[in-house]
C-alpha atoms as a PDB file:
ATOM      1  CA  UNK A   1     113.757 103.134 113.770  1.00  0.00           C
ATOM      2  CA  UNK A   2     115.873 106.282 113.528  1.00  0.00           C
ATOM      3  CA  UNK A   3     119.182 106.114 115.349  1.00  0.00           C
ATOM      4  CA  UNK A   4     119.340 107.907 118.711  1.00  0.00           C
ATOM      5  CA  UNK A   5     122.623 109.520 117.723  1.00  0.00           C
ATOM      6  CA  UNK A   6     123.998 110.199 114.233  1.00  0.00           C
ATOM      7  CA  UNK A   7     125.769 106.991 113.314  1.00  0.00           C
ATOM      8  CA  UNK A   8     127.895 107.097 110.167  1.00  0.00           C
ATOM      9  CA  UNK A   9     129.227 104.631 107.654  1.00  0.00           C
ATOM     10  CA  UNK A  10     131.999 106.001 105.448  1.00  0.00           C
ATOM     11  CA  UNK A  11     130.824 109.536 106.266  1.00  0.00           C
ATOM     12  CA  UNK A  12     127.148 108.924 105.432  1.00  0.00           C
ATOM     13  CA  UNK A  13     124.539 109.216 108.176  1.00  0.00           C
ATOM     14  CA  UNK A  14     122.777 105.881 108.699  1.00  0.00           C
ATOM     15  CA  UNK A  15     118.966 105.870 108.662  1.00  0.00           C
ATOM     16  CA  UNK A  16     118.495 103.410 111.529  1.00  0.00           C
ATOM     17  CA  UNK A  17     120.204 101.663 114.414  1.00  0.00           C
ATOM     18  CA  UNK A  18     119.342  98.367 112.747  1.00  0.00           C
ATOM     19  CA  UNK A  19     121.181  99.286 109.526  1.00  0.00           C
ATOM     20  CA  UNK A  20     124.230 100.192 111.586  1.00  0.00           C
ATOM     21  CA  UNK A  21     123.971  96.874 113.448  1.00  0.00           C
ATOM     22  CA  UNK A  22     123.873  95.000 110.123  1.00  0.00           C
ATOM     23  CA  UNK A  23     126.927  96.978 108.984  1.00  0.00           C
ATOM     24  CA  UNK A  24     128.820  95.966 112.131  1.00  0.00           C
ATOM     25  CA  UNK A  25     127.862  92.320 111.527  1.00  0.00           C
ATOM     26  CA  UNK A  26     128.967  92.532 107.879  1.00  0.00           C
ATOM     27  CA  UNK A  27     132.380  93.761 108.997  1.00  0.00           C
ATOM     28  CA  UNK A  28     132.711  90.602 111.102  1.00  0.00           C
ATOM     29  CA  UNK A  29     131.618  88.067 108.480  1.00  0.00           C
ATOM     30  CA  UNK A  30     132.700  89.236 105.018  1.00  0.00           C
ATOM     31  CA  UNK A  31     136.115  88.086 103.804  1.00  0.00           C
ATOM     32  CA  UNK A  32     139.128  90.350 104.369  1.00  0.00           C
ATOM     33  CA  UNK A  33     139.668  92.798 101.542  1.00  0.00           C
ATOM     34  CA  UNK A  34     135.961  93.059 100.691  1.00  0.00           C
ATOM     35  CA  UNK A  35     134.567  96.583 100.407  1.00  0.00           C
ATOM     36  CA  UNK A  36     131.397  97.418 102.317  1.00  0.00           C
ATOM     37  CA  UNK A  37     129.648 100.544 101.054  1.00  0.00           C
ATOM     38  CA  UNK A  38     126.485 102.179 102.329  1.00  0.00           C
ATOM     39  CA  UNK A  39     123.823 103.407  99.884  1.00  0.00           C
ATOM     40  CA  UNK A  40     126.095 103.904  96.883  1.00  0.00           C
ATOM     41  CA  UNK A  41     124.011 102.214  94.162  1.00  0.00           C
ATOM     42  CA  UNK A  42     120.955 103.783  92.557  1.00  0.00           C
ATOM     43  CA  UNK A  43     119.115 101.087  90.604  1.00  0.00           C
ATOM     44  CA  UNK A  44     116.101 102.099  88.510  1.00  0.00           C
ATOM     45  CA  UNK A  45     113.027  99.871  88.435  1.00  0.00           C
ATOM     46  CA  UNK A  46     109.595  99.946  86.871  1.00  0.00           C
ATOM     47  CA  UNK A  47     106.409  98.606  88.393  1.00  0.00           C
ATOM     48  CA  UNK A  48     103.828  97.671  85.771  1.00  0.00           C
ATOM     49  CA  UNK A  49     100.624  99.668  86.070  1.00  0.00           C
ATOM     50  CA  UNK A  50      97.864 100.674  83.698  1.00  0.00           C
ATOM     51  CA  UNK A  51      96.676 104.176  82.973  1.00  0.00           C
ATOM     52  CA  UNK A  52      92.952 104.475  82.402  1.00  0.00           C
ATOM     53  CA  UNK A  53      92.075 107.938  81.061  1.00  0.00           C
ATOM     54  CA  UNK A  54      88.807 109.446  82.256  1.00  0.00           C
ATOM     55  CA  UNK A  55      87.682 110.179  78.689  1.00  0.00           C
ATOM     56  CA  UNK A  56      88.817 109.064  75.244  1.00  0.00           C
ATOM     57  CA  UNK A  57      87.564 111.151  72.311  1.00  0.00           C
ATOM     58  CA  UNK A  58      88.030 109.875  68.759  1.00  0.00           C
ATOM     59  CA  UNK A  59      87.351 112.378  65.979  1.00  0.00           C
ATOM     60  CA  UNK A  60      86.035 111.399  62.532  1.00  0.00           C
ATOM     61  CA  UNK A  61      89.519 111.940  61.098  1.00  0.00           C
ATOM     62  CA  UNK A  62      90.882 109.271  63.481  1.00  0.00           C
ATOM     63  CA  UNK A  63      92.677 111.557  65.918  1.00  0.00           C
ATOM     64  CA  UNK A  64      92.386 110.332  69.504  1.00  0.00           C
ATOM     65  CA  UNK A  65      92.372 112.583  72.571  1.00  0.00           C
ATOM     66  CA  UNK A  66      92.600 111.448  76.163  1.00  0.00           C
ATOM     67  CA  UNK A  67      91.243 113.779  78.807  1.00  0.00           C
ATOM     68  CA  UNK A  68      91.725 113.713  82.567  1.00  0.00           C
ATOM     69  CA  UNK A  69      89.393 115.505  84.979  1.00  0.00           C
ATOM     70  CA  UNK A  70      91.431 116.269  88.091  1.00  0.00           C
ATOM     71  CA  UNK A  71      90.164 117.733  91.320  1.00  0.00           C
ATOM     72  CA  UNK A  72      92.213 118.959  94.241  1.00  0.00           C
ATOM     73  CA  UNK A  73      93.668 117.079  97.200  1.00  0.00           C
ATOM     74  CA  UNK A  74      93.882 113.303  96.875  1.00  0.00           C
ATOM     75  CA  UNK A  75      92.705 113.433  93.276  1.00  0.00           C
ATOM     76  CA  UNK A  76      96.006 115.126  92.435  1.00  0.00           C
ATOM     77  CA  UNK A  77      98.372 113.890  95.134  1.00  0.00           C
ATOM     78  CA  UNK A  78     102.043 113.023  94.609  1.00  0.00           C
ATOM     79  CA  UNK A  79     101.226 109.470  93.437  1.00  0.00           C
ATOM     80  CA  UNK A  80      98.839 110.753  90.771  1.00  0.00           C
ATOM     81  CA  UNK A  81     101.383 113.336  89.642  1.00  0.00           C
ATOM     82  CA  UNK A  82     104.111 110.671  89.415  1.00  0.00           C
ATOM     83  CA  UNK A  83     101.775 108.474  87.383  1.00  0.00           C
ATOM     84  CA  UNK A  84     100.950 111.304  84.979  1.00  0.00           C
ATOM     85  CA  UNK A  85     104.648 112.081  84.450  1.00  0.00           C
ATOM     86  CA  UNK A  86     105.436 108.387  83.862  1.00  0.00           C
ATOM     87  CA  UNK A  87     102.588 108.044  81.346  1.00  0.00           C
ATOM     88  CA  UNK A  88     103.738 111.129  79.441  1.00  0.00           C
ATOM     89  CA  UNK A  89     107.386 109.972  79.470  1.00  0.00           C
ATOM     90  CA  UNK A  90     106.574 106.422  78.349  1.00  0.00           C
ATOM     91  CA  UNK A  91     103.893 107.400  75.796  1.00  0.00           C
ATOM     92  CA  UNK A  92     104.964 110.760  74.321  1.00  0.00           C
ATOM     93  CA  UNK A  93     102.641 110.266  71.359  1.00  0.00           C
ATOM     94  CA  UNK A  94      99.549 110.254  73.594  1.00  0.00           C
ATOM     95  CA  UNK A  95      99.691 113.735  75.197  1.00  0.00           C
ATOM     96  CA  UNK A  96      96.775 113.536  77.666  1.00  0.00           C
ATOM     97  CA  UNK A  97      94.844 116.768  78.257  1.00  0.00           C
ATOM     98  CA  UNK A  98      93.882 117.782  81.787  1.00  0.00           C
ATOM     99  CA  UNK A  99      90.884 119.739  83.024  1.00  0.00           C
ATOM    100  CA  UNK A 100      91.569 120.874  86.580  1.00  0.00           C
ATOM    101  CA  UNK A 101      88.598 121.566  88.849  1.00  0.00           C
ATOM    102  CA  UNK A 102      90.478 124.645  90.081  1.00  0.00           C
ATOM    103  CA  UNK A 103      94.072 125.788  90.221  1.00  0.00           C
ATOM    104  CA  UNK A 104      94.572 124.034  93.559  1.00  0.00           C
ATOM    105  CA  UNK A 105      97.572 124.114  95.863  1.00  0.00           C
ATOM    106  CA  UNK A 106      99.906 121.137  95.771  1.00  0.00           C
ATOM    107  CA  UNK A 107     102.802 120.134  97.965  1.00  0.00           C
ATOM    108  CA  UNK A 108     104.168 121.838 101.055  1.00  0.00           C
ATOM    109  CA  UNK A 109     104.227 125.567 101.682  1.00  0.00           C
ATOM    110  CA  UNK A 110     107.271 127.282 100.176  1.00  0.00           C
ATOM    111  CA  UNK A 111     109.746 129.272 102.261  1.00  0.00           C
ATOM    112  CA  UNK A 112     108.132 132.493 101.029  1.00  0.00           C
ATOM    113  CA  UNK A 113     104.725 131.290 102.278  1.00  0.00           C
ATOM    114  CA  UNK A 114     103.295 130.582  98.832  1.00  0.00           C
ATOM    115  CA  UNK A 115     102.188 127.232  97.444  1.00  0.00           C
ATOM    116  CA  UNK A 116     102.866 125.497  94.167  1.00  0.00           C
ATOM    117  CA  UNK A 117      99.694 125.218  92.091  1.00  0.00           C
ATOM    118  CA  UNK A 118      98.362 122.614  89.706  1.00  0.00           C
ATOM    119  CA  UNK A 119      99.000 124.965  86.779  1.00  0.00           C
ATOM    120  CA  UNK A 120     102.666 125.258  87.870  1.00  0.00           C
ATOM    121  CA  UNK A 121     102.928 121.474  87.726  1.00  0.00           C
ATOM    122  CA  UNK A 122     101.217 121.348  84.312  1.00  0.00           C
ATOM    123  CA  UNK A 123     103.599 123.956  82.903  1.00  0.00           C
ATOM    124  CA  UNK A 124     106.650 122.262  84.406  1.00  0.00           C
ATOM    125  CA  UNK A 125     105.769 118.910  82.847  1.00  0.00           C
ATOM    126  CA  UNK A 126     104.537 120.206  79.505  1.00  0.00           C
ATOM    127  CA  UNK A 127     100.895 119.256  79.884  1.00  0.00           C
ATOM    128  CA  UNK A 128      98.107 121.001  78.017  1.00  0.00           C
ATOM    129  CA  UNK A 129      95.503 121.841  80.630  1.00  0.00           C
ATOM    130  CA  UNK A 130      92.652 124.153  81.468  1.00  0.00           C
ATOM    131  CA  UNK A 131      90.939 125.233  84.660  1.00  0.00           C
ATOM    132  CA  UNK A 132      87.234 124.289  84.998  1.00  0.00           C
ATOM    133  CA  UNK A 133      86.332 124.019  81.293  1.00  0.00           C
ATOM    134  CA  UNK A 134      87.173 121.827  78.309  1.00  0.00           C
ATOM    135  CA  UNK A 135      88.729 123.918  75.538  1.00  0.00           C
ATOM    136  CA  UNK A 136      87.135 123.680  72.081  1.00  0.00           C
ATOM    137  CA  UNK A 137      90.516 124.580  70.517  1.00  0.00           C
ATOM    138  CA  UNK A 138      91.943 121.252  71.676  1.00  0.00           C
ATOM    139  CA  UNK A 139      89.936 119.433  69.003  1.00  0.00           C
ATOM    140  CA  UNK A 140      90.679 121.648  65.974  1.00  0.00           C
END
């Protein structure tokens, strides 16, 4: 529950009345001299998942290609995009290829009224992609 007024701990705005209440309780129960800080640590974590490519193509010479067919909307929402970035980061040797159904809009509208597109995302993250059609050049 968001606080009704902007409560602060050490200058930082608290996200909820409950967090502020816990802070007040901590001040009463922790030993004197202890330091109570609010949201100062950033601890990375990984949740184990599996990536299942839509298509795996193995050429006679042994090269393996993984191809994703991605539509618009939920098929390419923020969770899918995060997954694709994580896969690429953790398996740089794999380099999945993406065929987008169209160059769909993603994310919120920009201040200038435009939208980010799937191709913008592909370029930003270094993916090889095409719109609508598989590219023969990929397999040369």
